[in-house]
PDB file of N, CA and C in Angstrom:
ATOM      1  N   LEU A   1      74.521 -36.504 103.108  1.00  0.00           N
ATOM      2  CA  LEU A   1      73.873 -36.877 104.561  1.00  0.00           C
ATOM      3  C   LEU A   1      74.586 -38.297 104.839  1.00  0.00           C
ATOM      4  N   ALA A   2      74.729 -38.875 103.914  1.00  0.00           N
ATOM      5  CA  ALA A   2      75.841 -40.286 104.183  1.00  0.00           C
ATOM      6  C   ALA A   2      76.947 -39.964 104.926  1.00  0.00           C
ATOM      7  N   SER A   3      77.745 -38.862 104.448  1.00  0.00           N
ATOM      8  CA  SER A   3      78.937 -38.394 104.865  1.00  0.00           C
ATOM      9  C   SER A   3      79.340 -37.945 106.315  1.00  0.00           C
ATOM     10  N   LYS A   4      77.831 -37.255 106.350  1.00  0.00           N
ATOM     11  CA  LYS A   4      77.652 -36.464 107.799  1.00  0.00           C
ATOM     12  C   LYS A   4      77.353 -37.829 108.685  1.00  0.00           C
ATOM     13  N   GLY A   5      76.801 -38.659 108.103  1.00  0.00           N
ATOM     14  CA  GLY A   5      76.558 -39.836 109.625  1.00  0.00           C
ATOM     15  C   GLY A   5      78.028 -40.524 109.078  1.00  0.00           C
ATOM     16  N   LEU A   6      78.520 -40.328 108.332  1.00  0.00           N
ATOM     17  CA  LEU A   6      79.895 -40.858 108.506  1.00  0.00           C
ATOM     18  C   LEU A   6      80.974 -40.659 109.486  1.00  0.00           C
ATOM     19  N   ALA A   7      81.036 -39.502 109.522  1.00  0.00           N
ATOM     20  CA  ALA A   7      81.584 -38.787 110.268  1.00  0.00           C
ATOM     21  C   ALA A   7      81.121 -38.615 111.792  1.00  0.00           C
ATOM     22  N   THR A   8      79.940 -38.892 112.442  1.00  0.00           N
ATOM     23  CA  THR A   8      79.386 -39.117 113.484  1.00  0.00           C
ATOM     24  C   THR A   8      79.698 -40.774 113.665  1.00  0.00           C
ATOM     25  N   ALA A   9      79.348 -41.654 112.744  1.00  0.00           N
ATOM     26  CA  ALA A   9      79.913 -42.731 113.190  1.00  0.00           C
ATOM     27  C   ALA A   9      81.222 -43.173 113.435  1.00  0.00           C
ATOM     28  N   PHE A  10      81.918 -42.313 113.045  1.00  0.00           N
ATOM     29  CA  PHE A  10      83.762 -42.199 112.906  1.00  0.00           C
ATOM     30  C   PHE A  10      84.063 -41.476 114.633  1.00  0.00           C
ATOM     31  N   CYS A  11      83.212 -41.037 114.999  1.00  0.00           N
ATOM     32  CA  CYS A  11      83.612 -40.181 115.823  1.00  0.00           C
ATOM     33  C   CYS A  11      82.896 -41.304 117.262  1.00  0.00           C
ATOM     34  N   ALA A  12      81.948 -41.944 117.051  1.00  0.00           N
ATOM     35  CA  ALA A  12      81.295 -43.012 118.044  1.00  0.00           C
ATOM     36  C   ALA A  12      82.384 -44.098 118.147  1.00  0.00           C
ATOM     37  N   LEU A  13      83.251 -44.500 116.708  1.00  0.00           N
ATOM     38  CA  LEU A  13      84.361 -45.642 117.038  1.00  0.00           C
ATOM     39  C   LEU A  13      85.162 -45.116 117.923  1.00  0.00           C
ATOM     40  N   GLN A  14      85.565 -43.767 117.643  1.00  0.00           N
ATOM     41  CA  GLN A  14      86.574 -43.196 118.723  1.00  0.00           C
ATOM     42  C   GLN A  14      86.453 -43.501 120.170  1.00  0.00           C
ATOM     43  N   ALA A  15      85.406 -43.039 120.203  1.00  0.00           N
ATOM     44  CA  ALA A  15      84.409 -42.789 121.984  1.00  0.00           C
ATOM     45  C   ALA A  15      84.522 -44.317 122.016  1.00  0.00           C
ATOM     46  N   ASP A  16      84.416 -45.715 121.780  1.00  0.00           N
ATOM     47  CA  ASP A  16      84.556 -46.849 122.083  1.00  0.00           C
ATOM     48  C   ASP A  16      84.406 -47.677 121.193  1.00  0.00           C
ATOM     49  N   ASP A  17      85.566 -48.287 120.787  1.00  0.00           N
ATOM     50  CA  ASP A  17      85.744 -49.152 120.000  1.00  0.00           C
ATOM     51  C   ASP A  17      85.409 -50.588 120.129  1.00  0.00           C
ATOM     52  N   SER A  18      84.632 -50.986 121.268  1.00  0.00           N
ATOM     53  CA  SER A  18      83.961 -52.094 121.607  1.00  0.00           C
ATOM     54  C   SER A  18      82.580 -52.113 121.112  1.00  0.00           C
ATOM     55  N   CYS A  19      81.973 -50.843 120.720  1.00  0.00           N
ATOM     56  CA  CYS A  19      80.455 -50.751 120.185  1.00  0.00           C
ATOM     57  C   CYS A  19      80.120 -51.330 119.324  1.00  0.00           C
ATOM     58  N   ALA A  20      79.631 -52.705 119.056  1.00  0.00           N
ATOM     59  CA  ALA A  20      78.975 -53.166 117.786  1.00  0.00           C
ATOM     60  C   ALA A  20      78.139 -52.564 116.951  1.00  0.00           C
ATOM     61  N   ALA A  21      77.150 -52.006 117.408  1.00  0.00           N
ATOM     62  CA  ALA A  21      76.397 -51.174 116.658  1.00  0.00           C
ATOM     63  C   ALA A  21      77.590 -49.475 115.875  1.00  0.00           C
ATOM     64  N   ALA A  22      78.087 -49.556 116.704  1.00  0.00           N
ATOM     65  CA  ALA A  22      79.313 -48.176 115.821  1.00  0.00           C
ATOM     66  C   ALA A  22      79.668 -48.687 114.608  1.00  0.00           C
ATOM     67  N   HIS A  23      80.437 -49.956 114.841  1.00  0.00           N
ATOM     68  CA  HIS A  23      81.124 -50.426 114.098  1.00  0.00           C
ATOM     69  C   HIS A  23      80.121 -50.824 112.473  1.00  0.00           C
ATOM     70  N   LEU A  24      78.929 -51.487 113.020  1.00  0.00           N
ATOM     71  CA  LEU A  24      77.780 -51.945 111.969  1.00  0.00           C
ATOM     72  C   LEU A  24      77.485 -50.464 111.090  1.00  0.00           C
ATOM     73  N   TRP A  25      77.114 -49.539 111.751  1.00  0.00           N
ATOM     74  CA  TRP A  25      76.730 -48.585 111.150  1.00  0.00           C
ATOM     75  C   TRP A  25      78.147 -47.075 110.546  1.00  0.00           C
ATOM     76  N   TYR A  26      79.063 -47.942 110.942  1.00  0.00           N
ATOM     77  CA  TYR A  26      80.055 -47.184 110.247  1.00  0.00           C
ATOM     78  C   TYR A  26      80.328 -48.164 109.152  1.00  0.00           C
ATOM     79  N   ALA A  27      80.110 -49.164 108.907  1.00  0.00           N
ATOM     80  CA  ALA A  27      80.343 -50.099 107.558  1.00  0.00           C
ATOM     81  C   ALA A  27      79.554 -49.512 106.787  1.00  0.00           C
ATOM     82  N   GLU A  28      78.030 -49.437 106.993  1.00  0.00           N
ATOM     83  CA  GLU A  28      76.792 -49.066 106.113  1.00  0.00           C
ATOM     84  C   GLU A  28      76.728 -47.891 105.655  1.00  0.00           C
ATOM     85  N   LEU A  29      77.747 -47.284 106.432  1.00  0.00           N
ATOM     86  CA  LEU A  29      77.493 -45.316 105.457  1.00  0.00           C
ATOM     87  C   LEU A  29      78.525 -45.004 105.318  1.00  0.00           C
ATOM     88  N   LEU A  30      79.695 -46.125 105.462  1.00  0.00           N
ATOM     89  CA  LEU A  30      81.415 -45.836 104.457  1.00  0.00           C
ATOM     90  C   LEU A  30      80.898 -46.411 103.190  1.00  0.00           C
ATOM     91  N   VAL A  31      80.048 -47.574 103.073  1.00  0.00           N
ATOM     92  CA  VAL A  31      79.370 -48.029 101.447  1.00  0.00           C
ATOM     93  C   VAL A  31      78.863 -46.595 100.731  1.00  0.00           C
ATOM     94  N   LEU A  32      77.454 -46.480 101.787  1.00  0.00           N
ATOM     95  CA  LEU A  32      76.796 -45.589 101.060  1.00  0.00           C
ATOM     96  C   LEU A  32      77.274 -43.765 100.911  1.00  0.00           C
ATOM     97  N   ALA A  33      78.467 -43.533 101.662  1.00  0.00           N
ATOM     98  CA  ALA A  33      78.893 -42.196 101.149  1.00  0.00           C
ATOM     99  C   ALA A  33      80.114 -42.472 100.560  1.00  0.00           C
ATOM    100  N   GLY A  34      80.647 -43.482 100.170  1.00  0.00           N
ATOM    101  CA  GLY A  34      81.492 -44.005  98.877  1.00  0.00           C
ATOM    102  C   GLY A  34      80.842 -43.968  97.475  1.00  0.00           C
ATOM    103  N   GLU A  35      79.564 -44.302  97.401  1.00  0.00           N
ATOM    104  CA  GLU A  35      79.106 -44.596  96.079  1.00  0.00           C
ATOM    105  C   GLU A  35      79.488 -43.109  95.405  1.00  0.00           C
ATOM    106  N   GLY A  36      79.471 -43.331  93.938  1.00  0.00           N
ATOM    107  CA  GLY A  36      79.699 -42.496  93.333  1.00  0.00           C
ATOM    108  C   GLY A  36      81.444 -42.261  93.195  1.00  0.00           C
ATOM    109  N   ASP A  37      82.008 -42.845  94.140  1.00  0.00           N
ATOM    110  CA  ASP A  37      83.369 -42.189  94.065  1.00  0.00           C
ATOM    111  C   ASP A  37      84.468 -42.757  93.176  1.00  0.00           C
ATOM    112  N   GLY A  38      84.012 -43.601  92.078  1.00  0.00           N
ATOM    113  CA  GLY A  38      84.721 -44.536  90.986  1.00  0.00           C
ATOM    114  C   GLY A  38      84.768 -45.652  91.976  1.00  0.00           C
ATOM    115  N   PRO A  39      84.878 -46.910  90.742  1.00  0.00           N
ATOM    116  CA  PRO A  39      85.230 -48.222  91.134  1.00  0.00           C
ATOM    117  C   PRO A  39      86.355 -48.840  92.239  1.00  0.00           C
ATOM    118  N   ARG A  40      87.236 -47.925  91.808  1.00  0.00           N
ATOM    119  CA  ARG A  40      88.726 -48.348  92.782  1.00  0.00           C
ATOM    120  C   ARG A  40      88.569 -47.974  94.398  1.00  0.00           C
ATOM    121  N   ALA A  41      87.862 -46.483  94.651  1.00  0.00           N
ATOM    122  CA  ALA A  41      87.180 -45.964  95.678  1.00  0.00           C
ATOM    123  C   ALA A  41      86.218 -46.856  96.448  1.00  0.00           C
ATOM    124  N   ASP A  42      85.113 -47.030  95.550  1.00  0.00           N
ATOM    125  CA  ASP A  42      84.028 -48.054  96.109  1.00  0.00           C
ATOM    126  C   ASP A  42      84.842 -49.624  96.446  1.00  0.00           C
ATOM    127  N   ALA A  43      85.374 -50.013  95.687  1.00  0.00           N
ATOM    128  CA  ALA A  43      86.320 -51.553  96.397  1.00  0.00           C
ATOM    129  C   ALA A  43      87.056 -51.315  97.414  1.00  0.00           C
ATOM    130  N   ILE A  44      87.331 -50.388  97.967  1.00  0.00           N
ATOM    131  CA  ILE A  44      88.385 -50.016  99.003  1.00  0.00           C
ATOM    132  C   ILE A  44      87.521 -50.115 100.208  1.00  0.00           C
ATOM    133  N   ASN A  45      86.609 -49.104  99.891  1.00  0.00           N
ATOM    134  CA  ASN A  45      85.386 -48.889 100.656  1.00  0.00           C
ATOM    135  C   ASN A  45      84.503 -49.823 101.464  1.00  0.00           C
ATOM    136  N   ARG A  46      84.424 -50.847 100.358  1.00  0.00           N
ATOM    137  CA  ARG A  46      83.747 -52.329 100.751  1.00  0.00           C
ATOM    138  C   ARG A  46      84.514 -53.101 101.730  1.00  0.00           C
ATOM    139  N   LEU A  47      85.804 -53.370 100.943  1.00  0.00           N
ATOM    140  CA  LEU A  47      86.461 -54.047 102.377  1.00  0.00           C
ATOM    141  C   LEU A  47      86.824 -53.644 103.347  1.00  0.00           C
ATOM    142  N   GLU A  48      86.841 -52.065 103.615  1.00  0.00           N
ATOM    143  CA  GLU A  48      87.128 -51.521 105.103  1.00  0.00           C
ATOM    144  C   GLU A  48      85.647 -51.903 105.724  1.00  0.00           C
ATOM    145  N   ALA A  49      84.589 -51.828 105.048  1.00  0.00           N
ATOM    146  CA  ALA A  49      83.241 -51.663 105.473  1.00  0.00           C
ATOM    147  C   ALA A  49      83.166 -53.339 105.935  1.00  0.00           C
ATOM    148  N   PHE A  50      83.965 -54.114 105.344  1.00  0.00           N
ATOM    149  CA  PHE A  50      83.690 -55.829 105.380  1.00  0.00           C
ATOM    150  C   PHE A  50      84.488 -56.171 106.484  1.00  0.00           C
ATOM    151  N   GLU A  51      85.589 -55.456 107.331  1.00  0.00           N
ATOM    152  CA  GLU A  51      86.068 -55.268 108.191  1.00  0.00           C
ATOM    153  C   GLU A  51      85.470 -54.910 109.448  1.00  0.00           C
ATOM    154  N   HIS A  52      84.713 -53.736 109.330  1.00  0.00           N
ATOM    155  CA  HIS A  52      84.147 -53.023 110.743  1.00  0.00           C
ATOM    156  C   HIS A  52      82.794 -54.367 110.764  1.00  0.00           C
ATOM    157  N   LEU A  53      82.412 -55.136 109.667  1.00  0.00           N
ATOM    158  CA  LEU A  53      81.108 -55.621 109.510  1.00  0.00           C
ATOM    159  C   LEU A  53      81.832 -57.079 110.255  1.00  0.00           C
ATOM    160  N   LEU A  54      82.680 -57.372 110.673  1.00  0.00           N
ATOM    161  CA  LEU A  54      83.405 -58.714 111.107  1.00  0.00           C
ATOM    162  C   LEU A  54      83.809 -58.071 112.712  1.00  0.00           C
ATOM    163  N   ARG A  55      84.051 -57.279 112.479  1.00  0.00           N
ATOM    164  CA  ARG A  55      84.452 -56.483 114.158  1.00  0.00           C
ATOM    165  C   ARG A  55      83.314 -56.790 114.404  1.00  0.00           C
ATOM    166  N   ALA A  56      82.165 -55.958 113.980  1.00  0.00           N
ATOM    167  CA  ALA A  56      81.041 -56.189 115.110  1.00  0.00           C
ATOM    168  C   ALA A  56      80.106 -57.482 115.191  1.00  0.00           C
ATOM    169  N   ARG A  57      80.112 -58.365 114.388  1.00  0.00           N
ATOM    170  CA  ARG A  57      80.250 -59.658 114.658  1.00  0.00           C
ATOM    171  C   ARG A  57      81.374 -60.395 115.684  1.00  0.00           C
ATOM    172  N   GLU A  58      82.012 -59.907 115.682  1.00  0.00           N
ATOM    173  CA  GLU A  58      83.184 -60.383 116.545  1.00  0.00           C
ATOM    174  C   GLU A  58      82.615 -59.796 118.186  1.00  0.00           C
ATOM    175  N   ILE A  59      82.415 -58.699 117.991  1.00  0.00           N
ATOM    176  CA  ILE A  59      81.715 -58.172 119.714  1.00  0.00           C
ATOM    177  C   ILE A  59      80.219 -58.661 120.146  1.00  0.00           C
ATOM    178  N   ASN A  60      79.454 -58.246 118.990  1.00  0.00           N
ATOM    179  CA  ASN A  60      78.281 -58.939 119.006  1.00  0.00           C
ATOM    180  C   ASN A  60      77.640 -60.406 118.214  1.00  0.00           C
ATOM    181  N   SER A  61      77.813 -61.274 118.443  1.00  0.00           N
ATOM    182  CA  SER A  61      77.291 -62.358 117.493  1.00  0.00           C
ATOM    183  C   SER A  61      76.203 -62.792 117.095  1.00  0.00           C
ATOM    184  N   ARG A  62      75.017 -61.920 118.445  1.00  0.00           N
ATOM    185  CA  ARG A  62      74.174 -62.483 118.353  1.00  0.00           C
ATOM    186  C   ARG A  62      72.802 -61.664 117.576  1.00  0.00           C
ATOM    187  N   ASP A  63      73.604 -60.258 116.845  1.00  0.00           N
ATOM    188  CA  ASP A  63      72.972 -59.596 116.127  1.00  0.00           C
ATOM    189  C   ASP A  63      72.377 -59.754 114.856  1.00  0.00           C
ATOM    190  N   PRO A  64      71.057 -60.176 115.033  1.00  0.00           N
ATOM    191  CA  PRO A  64      70.883 -60.149 113.457  1.00  0.00           C
ATOM    192  C   PRO A  64      70.872 -59.584 112.201  1.00  0.00           C
ATOM    193  N   LEU A  65      71.068 -58.246 112.560  1.00  0.00           N
ATOM    194  CA  LEU A  65      71.613 -56.899 111.306  1.00  0.00           C
ATOM    195  C   LEU A  65      72.512 -57.293 110.994  1.00  0.00           C
ATOM    196  N   VAL A  66      73.854 -57.636 111.452  1.00  0.00           N
ATOM    197  CA  VAL A  66      75.017 -58.090 111.338  1.00  0.00           C
ATOM    198  C   VAL A  66      75.279 -59.169 110.359  1.00  0.00           C
ATOM    199  N   HIS A  67      74.662 -60.086 110.890  1.00  0.00           N
ATOM    200  CA  HIS A  67      75.080 -61.095 109.600  1.00  0.00           C
ATOM    201  C   HIS A  67      73.774 -60.972 108.347  1.00  0.00           C
ATOM    202  N   VAL A  68      72.882 -60.304 108.571  1.00  0.00           N
ATOM    203  CA  VAL A  68      72.344 -59.978 106.942  1.00  0.00           C
ATOM    204  C   VAL A  68      73.198 -59.065 106.391  1.00  0.00           C
ATOM    205  N   LEU A  69      73.749 -58.111 107.152  1.00  0.00           N
ATOM    206  CA  LEU A  69      74.339 -57.009 106.300  1.00  0.00           C
ATOM    207  C   LEU A  69      75.840 -57.858 105.798  1.00  0.00           C
ATOM    208  N   LEU A  70      76.308 -58.809 106.496  1.00  0.00           N
ATOM    209  CA  LEU A  70      77.593 -59.673 106.012  1.00  0.00           C
ATOM    210  C   LEU A  70      76.925 -60.424 104.482  1.00  0.00           C
ATOM    211  N   GLY A  71      75.731 -61.069 104.837  1.00  0.00           N
ATOM    212  CA  GLY A  71      75.244 -62.061 103.677  1.00  0.00           C
ATOM    213  C   GLY A  71      75.085 -61.067 102.278  1.00  0.00           C
ATOM    214  N   ALA A  72      74.318 -59.581 102.763  1.00  0.00           N
ATOM    215  CA  ALA A  72      74.481 -58.884 101.582  1.00  0.00           C
ATOM    216  C   ALA A  72      75.588 -58.110 100.979  1.00  0.00           C
ATOM    217  N   TRP A  73      76.568 -58.004 101.954  1.00  0.00           N
ATOM    218  CA  TRP A  73      78.058 -58.071 101.249  1.00  0.00           C
ATOM    219  C   TRP A  73      78.576 -59.063 100.663  1.00  0.00           C
ATOM    220  N   CYS A  74      78.595 -59.998 100.989  1.00  0.00           N
ATOM    221  CA  CYS A  74      78.781 -61.374 100.336  1.00  0.00           C
ATOM    222  C   CYS A  74      78.140 -61.599  98.818  1.00  0.00           C
ATOM    223  N   TYR A  75      77.006 -61.409  99.069  1.00  0.00           N
ATOM    224  CA  TYR A  75      76.312 -61.290  97.512  1.00  0.00           C
ATOM    225  C   TYR A  75      76.259 -60.143  96.862  1.00  0.00           C
ATOM    226  N   GLN A  76      76.539 -58.833  97.216  1.00  0.00           N
ATOM    227  CA  GLN A  76      76.861 -57.644  96.018  1.00  0.00           C
ATOM    228  C   GLN A  76      78.356 -58.048  95.588  1.00  0.00           C
ATOM    229  N   VAL A  77      79.459 -58.774  96.343  1.00  0.00           N
ATOM    230  CA  VAL A  77      80.923 -59.127  95.945  1.00  0.00           C
ATOM    231  C   VAL A  77      80.585 -59.868  94.828  1.00  0.00           C
ATOM    232  N   GLY A  78      79.884 -61.102  95.390  1.00  0.00           N
ATOM    233  CA  GLY A  78      79.614 -62.506  94.064  1.00  0.00           C
ATOM    234  C   GLY A  78      78.693 -62.273  93.083  1.00  0.00           C
ATOM    235  N   THR A  79      78.072 -61.199  92.883  1.00  0.00           N
ATOM    236  CA  THR A  79      77.615 -60.484  91.668  1.00  0.00           C
ATOM    237  C   THR A  79      78.101 -59.333  91.110  1.00  0.00           C
ATOM    238  N   HIS A  80      78.774 -59.272  91.661  1.00  0.00           N
ATOM    239  CA  HIS A  80      79.486 -57.539  90.880  1.00  0.00           C
ATOM    240  C   HIS A  80      79.903 -57.821  89.578  1.00  0.00           C
ATOM    241  N   PRO A  81      79.546 -56.630  88.524  1.00  0.00           N
ATOM    242  CA  PRO A  81      79.912 -56.910  86.972  1.00  0.00           C
ATOM    243  C   PRO A  81      81.377 -56.866  86.897  1.00  0.00           C
ATOM    244  N   ALA A  82      82.067 -56.479  87.469  1.00  0.00           N
ATOM    245  CA  ALA A  82      83.483 -56.788  87.194  1.00  0.00           C
ATOM    246  C   ALA A  82      84.125 -57.992  87.489  1.00  0.00           C
ATOM    247  N   ARG A  83      83.219 -59.292  88.087  1.00  0.00           N
ATOM    248  CA  ARG A  83      83.580 -60.649  88.403  1.00  0.00           C
ATOM    249  C   ARG A  83      82.795 -61.309  87.097  1.00  0.00           C
ATOM    250  N   GLY A  84      81.716 -60.811  86.156  1.00  0.00           N
ATOM    251  CA  GLY A  84      81.127 -61.236  85.294  1.00  0.00           C
ATOM    252  C   GLY A  84      80.349 -61.787  85.226  1.00  0.00           C
ATOM    253  N   VAL A  85      79.937 -62.321  86.276  1.00  0.00           N
ATOM    254  CA  VAL A  85      78.484 -62.642  87.363  1.00  0.00           C
ATOM    255  C   VAL A  85      77.549 -61.891  87.449  1.00  0.00           C
ATOM    256  N   ARG A  86      76.476 -62.090  87.140  1.00  0.00           N
ATOM    257  CA  ARG A  86      75.305 -61.505  86.972  1.00  0.00           C
ATOM    258  C   ARG A  86      73.928 -62.305  88.192  1.00  0.00           C
ATOM    259  N   ALA A  87      73.189 -61.716  88.447  1.00  0.00           N
ATOM    260  CA  ALA A  87      71.892 -62.457  89.370  1.00  0.00           C
ATOM    261  C   ALA A  87      71.102 -62.360  88.261  1.00  0.00           C
TER     262      ALA A  87
END
């Protein structure tokens, strides 16, 4: 289901690259769709998701969901087992 949503969000980005919501949901679905693809693919997807979250914030800095997801992204990276740090 996440991969189908990812394809839809990708189409939305192609239609309008200046849509903050499209970037936000593409980022979220990119992480969800990539779960279980292995640690390397997960890291690549998360970095791409971060870039889309930054773009969403650039377009609409007043959207609180963008800030929540950026904070969650930073927390997840900071507590990732590969870093040797646990929450």
